[in-house]
Amino acid sequence: MNCTICSELSGDDSGNLFRDVCGICRDNRVIFESTGFVVMPSLGPLNMGHLLIVSKSHYTSMSQLPAELYKDFDAVYAKVRSLLIQEFGTAVSFEHGSVSRINAAGSCIDHAHTHMLPLDASIRSELAQRFDERPLRSSTDLVDQSAEFDDYIFLHEGNLRFVYKTDSAVPSQLVRQLIAVRLGRTNRWDWRQYPEPDQVLAMLDFFAQKF
């Protein structure tokens, strides 16, 4: 399996996007880890505080996590969310999830990762207009709901969580596009085109003593 996140986490230089895209001579972006997950700055961060929660083992999406990792994920999720709210006043989370290994559901990367970043704005209405919206109560609820379809978008705004049934035709990095507009960065949503290495390094330094 050729997975760039697996390559980065294992120290394989041949597929390390962090080093290839950003040209940074560090092994990885990890700023915190638990038994089953790591936290790292996103490549092409949309703003200061844009982090990823990534599974150490390869799963296609968070909905595919085995039951024994639910508690660990919930603890890491709560920790990151609490830190972002403490430092920036707000936190929004999202995932482009794919149940199938055939496509990456608009995320470009088929290794389970949840985005979390400060955002004092809402993108819910745009998603609800495009896709079937369903409320969620917990991460296990996401597993149950997503079992009915192959691809989805997860969104957590304020105290509300939703899952949206999507399809293989969803635009690449759709949620990043919507958030970029809210942040006044309309043309800089593509992390491959705008990897923002200086901001990635700044976040590595900023969060080094925060966890």
C-alpha atoms as a PDB file:
ATOM      1  CA  MET A   1       0.000   0.000   0.000  1.00  0.00           C
ATOM      2  CA  ASN A   2       1.384   3.393  -0.987  1.00  0.00           C
ATOM      3  CA  CYS A   3       0.153   5.741   1.757  1.00  0.00           C
ATOM      4  CA  THR A   4       1.944   9.038   2.323  1.00  0.00           C
ATOM      5  CA  ILE A   5       0.818   9.336   5.941  1.00  0.00           C
ATOM      6  CA  CYS A   6       1.962   5.791   6.719  1.00  0.00           C
ATOM      7  CA  SER A   7       5.298   6.652   5.104  1.00  0.00           C
ATOM      8  CA  GLU A   8       5.682   9.757   7.239  1.00  0.00           C
ATOM      9  CA  LEU A   9       4.758   7.998  10.470  1.00  0.00           C
ATOM     10  CA  SER A  10       7.081   5.077   9.746  1.00  0.00           C
ATOM     11  CA  GLY A  11      10.008   7.316   8.796  1.00  0.00           C
ATOM     12  CA  ASP A  12      10.069   6.204   5.153  1.00  0.00           C
ATOM     13  CA  ASP A  13      11.677   9.098   3.256  1.00  0.00           C
ATOM     14  CA  SER A  14      10.533   7.800  -0.136  1.00  0.00           C
ATOM     15  CA  GLY A  15       6.909   8.779   0.470  1.00  0.00           C
ATOM     16  CA  ASN A  16       7.181  11.475   3.120  1.00  0.00           C
ATOM     17  CA  LEU A  17       4.907  14.299   1.936  1.00  0.00           C
ATOM     18  CA  PHE A  18       5.937  16.514   4.833  1.00  0.00           C
ATOM     19  CA  ARG A  19       9.507  16.558   3.562  1.00  0.00           C
ATOM     20  CA  ASP A  20       8.717  16.361  -0.159  1.00  0.00           C
ATOM     21  CA  VAL A  21       6.052  19.060  -0.289  1.00  0.00           C
ATOM     22  CA  CYS A  22       7.492  21.427   2.300  1.00  0.00           C
ATOM     23  CA  GLY A  23      11.186  20.701   1.823  1.00  0.00           C
ATOM     24  CA  ILE A  24      11.589  20.494   5.588  1.00  0.00           C
ATOM     25  CA  CYS A  25      14.339  18.389   7.105  1.00  0.00           C
ATOM     26  CA  ARG A  26      12.330  16.951   9.975  1.00  0.00           C
ATOM     27  CA  ASP A  27      11.138  13.375  10.145  1.00  0.00           C
ATOM     28  CA  ASN A  28       7.476  14.118  10.864  1.00  0.00           C
ATOM     29  CA  ARG A  29       4.969  16.677  12.116  1.00  0.00           C
ATOM     30  CA  VAL A  30       3.853  14.862  15.254  1.00  0.00           C
ATOM     31  CA  ILE A  31       3.207  17.181  18.215  1.00  0.00           C
ATOM     32  CA  PHE A  32       1.235  14.732  20.365  1.00  0.00           C
ATOM     33  CA  GLU A  33       0.497  11.024  20.333  1.00  0.00           C
ATOM     34  CA  SER A  34      -1.657   8.524  22.164  1.00  0.00           C
ATOM     35  CA  THR A  35      -1.825   4.758  21.843  1.00  0.00           C
ATOM     36  CA  GLY A  36      -3.656   4.859  18.521  1.00  0.00           C
ATOM     37  CA  PHE A  37      -3.398   8.424  17.214  1.00  0.00           C
ATOM     38  CA  VAL A  38      -1.083  11.324  16.493  1.00  0.00           C
ATOM     39  CA  VAL A  39      -1.790  15.042  16.263  1.00  0.00           C
ATOM     40  CA  MET A  40       0.035  17.126  13.665  1.00  0.00           C
ATOM     41  CA  PRO A  41      -0.280  20.430  11.812  1.00  0.00           C
ATOM     42  CA  SER A  42      -2.077  20.162   8.482  1.00  0.00           C
ATOM     43  CA  LEU A  43      -0.056  20.687   5.354  1.00  0.00           C
ATOM     44  CA  GLY A  44      -1.352  23.836   3.705  1.00  0.00           C
ATOM     45  CA  PRO A  45      -2.919  25.017   6.986  1.00  0.00           C
ATOM     46  CA  LEU A  46      -5.858  27.328   6.443  1.00  0.00           C
ATOM     47  CA  ASN A  47      -4.924  29.287   9.566  1.00  0.00           C
ATOM     48  CA  MET A  48      -2.828  29.139  12.711  1.00  0.00           C
ATOM     49  CA  GLY A  49      -4.108  26.193  14.727  1.00  0.00           C
ATOM     50  CA  HIS A  50      -5.177  23.968  11.807  1.00  0.00           C
ATOM     51  CA  LEU A  51      -4.405  20.495  13.151  1.00  0.00           C
ATOM     52  CA  LEU A  52      -5.048  16.898  12.131  1.00  0.00           C
ATOM     53  CA  ILE A  53      -5.914  13.917  14.308  1.00  0.00           C
ATOM     54  CA  VAL A  54      -4.500  10.907  12.455  1.00  0.00           C
ATOM     55  CA  SER A  55      -4.775   7.192  13.160  1.00  0.00           C
ATOM     56  CA  LYS A  56      -1.422   5.442  13.592  1.00  0.00           C
ATOM     57  CA  SER A  57      -2.684   2.353  11.790  1.00  0.00           C
ATOM     58  CA  HIS A  58      -4.097   2.623   8.291  1.00  0.00           C
ATOM     59  CA  TYR A  59      -7.865   2.967   8.099  1.00  0.00           C
ATOM     60  CA  THR A  60      -9.740   4.526   5.199  1.00  0.00           C
ATOM     61  CA  SER A  61     -11.711   6.874   7.463  1.00  0.00           C
ATOM     62  CA  MET A  62     -12.588   7.451  11.105  1.00  0.00           C
ATOM     63  CA  SER A  63     -15.817   5.524  10.553  1.00  0.00           C
ATOM     64  CA  GLN A  64     -13.669   2.434   9.959  1.00  0.00           C
ATOM     65  CA  LEU A  65     -11.913   2.526  13.332  1.00  0.00           C
ATOM     66  CA  PRO A  66     -12.175  -0.691  15.371  1.00  0.00           C
ATOM     67  CA  ALA A  67     -14.250  -0.441  18.543  1.00  0.00           C
ATOM     68  CA  GLU A  68     -11.201  -0.677  20.795  1.00  0.00           C
ATOM     69  CA  LEU A  69      -9.975   2.707  19.513  1.00  0.00           C
ATOM     70  CA  TYR A  70     -13.189   4.680  20.130  1.00  0.00           C
ATOM     71  CA  LYS A  71     -12.283   5.696  23.683  1.00  0.00           C
ATOM     72  CA  ASP A  72      -8.764   6.723  22.678  1.00  0.00           C
ATOM     73  CA  PHE A  73     -10.047   8.769  19.732  1.00  0.00           C
ATOM     74  CA  ASP A  74     -12.666  10.520  21.858  1.00  0.00           C
ATOM     75  CA  ALA A  75     -10.010  11.449  24.446  1.00  0.00           C
ATOM     76  CA  VAL A  76      -7.601  12.854  21.845  1.00  0.00           C
ATOM     77  CA  TYR A  77     -10.438  14.665  20.071  1.00  0.00           C
ATOM     78  CA  ALA A  78     -11.567  16.306  23.310  1.00  0.00           C
ATOM     79  CA  LYS A  79      -7.995  17.261  24.214  1.00  0.00           C
ATOM     80  CA  VAL A  80      -7.298  18.959  20.882  1.00  0.00           C
ATOM     81  CA  ARG A  81     -10.671  20.700  20.833  1.00  0.00           C
ATOM     82  CA  SER A  82     -10.202  21.998  24.369  1.00  0.00           C
ATOM     83  CA  LEU A  83      -6.725  23.305  23.544  1.00  0.00           C
ATOM     84  CA  LEU A  84      -7.869  25.133  20.413  1.00  0.00           C
ATOM     85  CA  ILE A  85     -10.765  26.747  22.258  1.00  0.00           C
ATOM     86  CA  GLN A  86      -8.404  27.759  25.053  1.00  0.00           C
ATOM     87  CA  GLU A  87      -5.845  29.267  22.664  1.00  0.00           C
ATOM     88  CA  PHE A  88      -8.076  30.658  19.909  1.00  0.00           C
ATOM     89  CA  GLY A  89     -11.598  30.823  21.343  1.00  0.00           C
ATOM     90  CA  THR A  90     -13.260  28.393  18.928  1.00  0.00           C
ATOM     91  CA  ALA A  91     -12.828  25.075  17.119  1.00  0.00           C
ATOM     92  CA  VAL A  92     -14.484  23.434  14.117  1.00  0.00           C
ATOM     93  CA  SER A  93     -13.841  19.851  13.038  1.00  0.00           C
ATOM     94  CA  PHE A  94     -14.422  18.050   9.765  1.00  0.00           C
ATOM     95  CA  GLU A  95     -13.555  14.909   7.861  1.00  0.00           C
ATOM     96  CA  HIS A  96     -13.962  13.868   4.247  1.00  0.00           C
ATOM     97  CA  GLY A  97     -14.614  10.185   4.939  1.00  0.00           C
ATOM     98  CA  SER A  98     -14.618   7.222   2.616  1.00  0.00           C
ATOM     99  CA  VAL A  99     -15.861   3.791   3.608  1.00  0.00           C
ATOM    100  CA  SER A 100     -14.530   2.422   0.335  1.00  0.00           C
ATOM    101  CA  ARG A 101     -10.849   2.032  -0.495  1.00  0.00           C
ATOM    102  CA  ILE A 102     -11.601   2.921  -4.103  1.00  0.00           C
ATOM    103  CA  ASN A 103     -11.696   6.684  -3.592  1.00  0.00           C
ATOM    104  CA  ALA A 104     -10.686   9.246  -1.008  1.00  0.00           C
ATOM    105  CA  ALA A 105     -14.066  11.017  -0.769  1.00  0.00           C
ATOM    106  CA  GLY A 106     -12.693  14.380  -1.810  1.00  0.00           C
ATOM    107  CA  SER A 107      -9.866  14.433   0.703  1.00  0.00           C
ATOM    108  CA  CYS A 108      -6.959  13.381  -1.617  1.00  0.00           C
ATOM    109  CA  ILE A 109      -5.560  11.194   1.203  1.00  0.00           C
ATOM    110  CA  ASP A 110      -7.151   7.829   2.010  1.00  0.00           C
ATOM    111  CA  HIS A 111      -5.687   7.539   5.534  1.00  0.00           C
ATOM    112  CA  ALA A 112      -8.119   8.406   8.335  1.00  0.00           C
ATOM    113  CA  HIS A 113      -7.631  11.993   9.518  1.00  0.00           C
ATOM    114  CA  THR A 114      -9.895  14.553  11.139  1.00  0.00           C
ATOM    115  CA  HIS A 115      -9.257  18.275  10.679  1.00  0.00           C
ATOM    116  CA  MET A 116      -9.683  20.690  13.593  1.00  0.00           C
ATOM    117  CA  LEU A 117      -9.088  24.433  13.381  1.00  0.00           C
ATOM    118  CA  PRO A 118     -10.206  27.765  14.819  1.00  0.00           C
ATOM    119  CA  LEU A 119     -13.144  29.175  12.851  1.00  0.00           C
ATOM    120  CA  ASP A 120     -15.605  31.803  13.998  1.00  0.00           C
ATOM    121  CA  ALA A 121     -18.007  31.152  11.122  1.00  0.00           C
ATOM    122  CA  SER A 122     -20.350  28.428   9.839  1.00  0.00           C
ATOM    123  CA  ILE A 123     -20.280  26.302   6.699  1.00  0.00           C
ATOM    124  CA  ARG A 124     -23.209  24.110   7.711  1.00  0.00           C
ATOM    125  CA  SER A 125     -25.763  25.784   5.426  1.00  0.00           C
ATOM    126  CA  GLU A 126     -23.652  25.174   2.301  1.00  0.00           C
ATOM    127  CA  LEU A 127     -23.243  21.498   3.147  1.00  0.00           C
ATOM    128  CA  ALA A 128     -26.921  21.075   4.048  1.00  0.00           C
ATOM    129  CA  GLN A 129     -27.925  22.560   0.699  1.00  0.00           C
ATOM    130  CA  ARG A 130     -25.769  20.076  -1.204  1.00  0.00           C
ATOM    131  CA  PHE A 131     -26.119  16.883   0.818  1.00  0.00           C
ATOM    132  CA  ASP A 132     -28.414  14.871   3.077  1.00  0.00           C
ATOM    133  CA  GLU A 133     -27.707  16.116   6.634  1.00  0.00           C
ATOM    134  CA  ARG A 134     -28.020  13.844   9.651  1.00  0.00           C
ATOM    135  CA  PRO A 135     -27.327  14.792  13.298  1.00  0.00           C
ATOM    136  CA  LEU A 136     -24.788  12.824  15.334  1.00  0.00           C
ATOM    137  CA  ARG A 137     -24.463  12.241  19.051  1.00  0.00           C
ATOM    138  CA  SER A 138     -21.053  10.576  19.225  1.00  0.00           C
ATOM    139  CA  SER A 139     -18.218   9.014  17.229  1.00  0.00           C
ATOM    140  CA  THR A 140     -19.926   5.637  17.475  1.00  0.00           C
ATOM    141  CA  ASP A 141     -23.032   7.229  15.973  1.00  0.00           C
ATOM    142  CA  LEU A 142     -20.864   8.211  12.992  1.00  0.00           C
ATOM    143  CA  VAL A 143     -19.996   4.541  12.498  1.00  0.00           C
ATOM    144  CA  ASP A 144     -23.656   3.544  12.547  1.00  0.00           C
ATOM    145  CA  GLN A 145     -24.811   6.318  10.212  1.00  0.00           C
ATOM    146  CA  SER A 146     -22.003   5.947   7.665  1.00  0.00           C
ATOM    147  CA  ALA A 147     -22.669   2.219   7.350  1.00  0.00           C
ATOM    148  CA  GLU A 148     -25.510   3.173   5.000  1.00  0.00           C
ATOM    149  CA  PHE A 149     -23.284   4.853   2.410  1.00  0.00           C
ATOM    150  CA  ASP A 150     -19.757   4.831   1.023  1.00  0.00           C
ATOM    151  CA  ASP A 151     -18.672   8.463   1.348  1.00  0.00           C
ATOM    152  CA  TYR A 152     -19.487  11.193   3.831  1.00  0.00           C
ATOM    153  CA  ILE A 153     -18.496  14.533   5.313  1.00  0.00           C
ATOM    154  CA  PHE A 154     -18.356  14.903   9.085  1.00  0.00           C
ATOM    155  CA  LEU A 155     -18.803  18.385  10.602  1.00  0.00           C
ATOM    156  CA  HIS A 156     -18.643  19.591  14.215  1.00  0.00           C
ATOM    157  CA  GLU A 157     -19.641  23.230  14.756  1.00  0.00           C
ATOM    158  CA  GLY A 158     -20.315  24.569  18.234  1.00  0.00           C
ATOM    159  CA  ASN A 159     -22.038  21.798  20.176  1.00  0.00           C
ATOM    160  CA  LEU A 160     -23.566  20.190  17.085  1.00  0.00           C
ATOM    161  CA  ARG A 161     -22.212  17.308  15.002  1.00  0.00           C
ATOM    162  CA  PHE A 162     -23.471  16.217  11.608  1.00  0.00           C
ATOM    163  CA  VAL A 163     -22.735  13.695   8.908  1.00  0.00           C
ATOM    164  CA  TYR A 164     -23.534  14.375   5.249  1.00  0.00           C
ATOM    165  CA  LYS A 165     -24.040  11.622   2.719  1.00  0.00           C
ATOM    166  CA  THR A 166     -21.930  12.462  -0.318  1.00  0.00           C
ATOM    167  CA  ASP A 167     -20.765  10.607  -3.414  1.00  0.00           C
ATOM    168  CA  SER A 168     -17.665  10.126  -5.523  1.00  0.00           C
ATOM    169  CA  ALA A 169     -18.410  13.338  -7.426  1.00  0.00           C
ATOM    170  CA  VAL A 170     -17.815  15.608  -4.407  1.00  0.00           C
ATOM    171  CA  PRO A 171     -15.299  18.344  -5.350  1.00  0.00           C
ATOM    172  CA  SER A 172     -11.739  17.850  -4.160  1.00  0.00           C
ATOM    173  CA  GLN A 173     -11.156  19.312  -0.693  1.00  0.00           C
ATOM    174  CA  LEU A 174     -14.665  20.783  -0.646  1.00  0.00           C
ATOM    175  CA  VAL A 175     -14.714  21.673   3.057  1.00  0.00           C
ATOM    176  CA  ARG A 176     -11.305  23.306   2.780  1.00  0.00           C
ATOM    177  CA  GLN A 177     -12.692  25.378  -0.083  1.00  0.00           C
ATOM    178  CA  LEU A 178     -15.687  26.525   1.967  1.00  0.00           C
ATOM    179  CA  ILE A 179     -13.564  27.394   4.988  1.00  0.00           C
ATOM    180  CA  ALA A 180     -10.989  29.210   2.861  1.00  0.00           C
ATOM    181  CA  VAL A 181     -13.754  31.515   1.614  1.00  0.00           C
ATOM    182  CA  ARG A 182     -14.793  32.255   5.210  1.00  0.00           C
ATOM    183  CA  LEU A 183     -11.195  33.103   6.085  1.00  0.00           C
ATOM    184  CA  GLY A 184     -10.677  35.367   3.079  1.00  0.00           C
ATOM    185  CA  ARG A 185      -8.257  32.870   1.516  1.00  0.00           C
ATOM    186  CA  THR A 186     -10.495  31.899  -1.399  1.00  0.00           C
ATOM    187  CA  ASN A 187      -7.749  30.876  -3.802  1.00  0.00           C
ATOM    188  CA  ARG A 188      -5.460  29.166  -1.275  1.00  0.00           C
ATOM    189  CA  TRP A 189      -7.502  26.113  -0.250  1.00  0.00           C
ATOM    190  CA  ASP A 190      -5.388  23.505  -2.079  1.00  0.00           C
ATOM    191  CA  TRP A 191      -2.730  22.192   0.306  1.00  0.00           C
ATOM    192  CA  ARG A 192      -0.681  20.699  -2.523  1.00  0.00           C
ATOM    193  CA  GLN A 193      -0.452  24.012  -4.358  1.00  0.00           C
ATOM    194  CA  TYR A 194      -0.028  26.069  -1.178  1.00  0.00           C
ATOM    195  CA  PRO A 195       1.696  23.852   1.428  1.00  0.00           C
ATOM    196  CA  GLU A 196       2.604  26.896   3.569  1.00  0.00           C
ATOM    197  CA  PRO A 197       5.816  25.393   5.064  1.00  0.00           C
ATOM    198  CA  ASP A 198       6.574  28.483   7.170  1.00  0.00           C
ATOM    199  CA  GLN A 199       3.200  28.253   8.885  1.00  0.00           C
ATOM    200  CA  VAL A 200       3.614  24.490   9.428  1.00  0.00           C
ATOM    201  CA  LEU A 201       6.959  25.154  11.144  1.00  0.00           C
ATOM    202  CA  ALA A 202       5.430  27.976  13.186  1.00  0.00           C
ATOM    203  CA  MET A 203       2.746  25.611  14.461  1.00  0.00           C
ATOM    204  CA  LEU A 204       5.291  22.940  15.318  1.00  0.00           C
ATOM    205  CA  ASP A 205       7.064  25.490  17.490  1.00  0.00           C
ATOM    206  CA  PHE A 206       3.863  26.973  18.923  1.00  0.00           C
ATOM    207  CA  PHE A 207       2.333  23.649  19.973  1.00  0.00           C
ATOM    208  CA  ALA A 208       5.581  22.035  21.145  1.00  0.00           C
ATOM    209  CA  GLN A 209       4.859  22.865  24.812  1.00  0.00           C
ATOM    210  CA  LYS A 210       1.076  22.962  24.656  1.00  0.00           C
ATOM    211  CA  PHE A 211       0.208  19.271  24.914  1.00  0.00           C
END
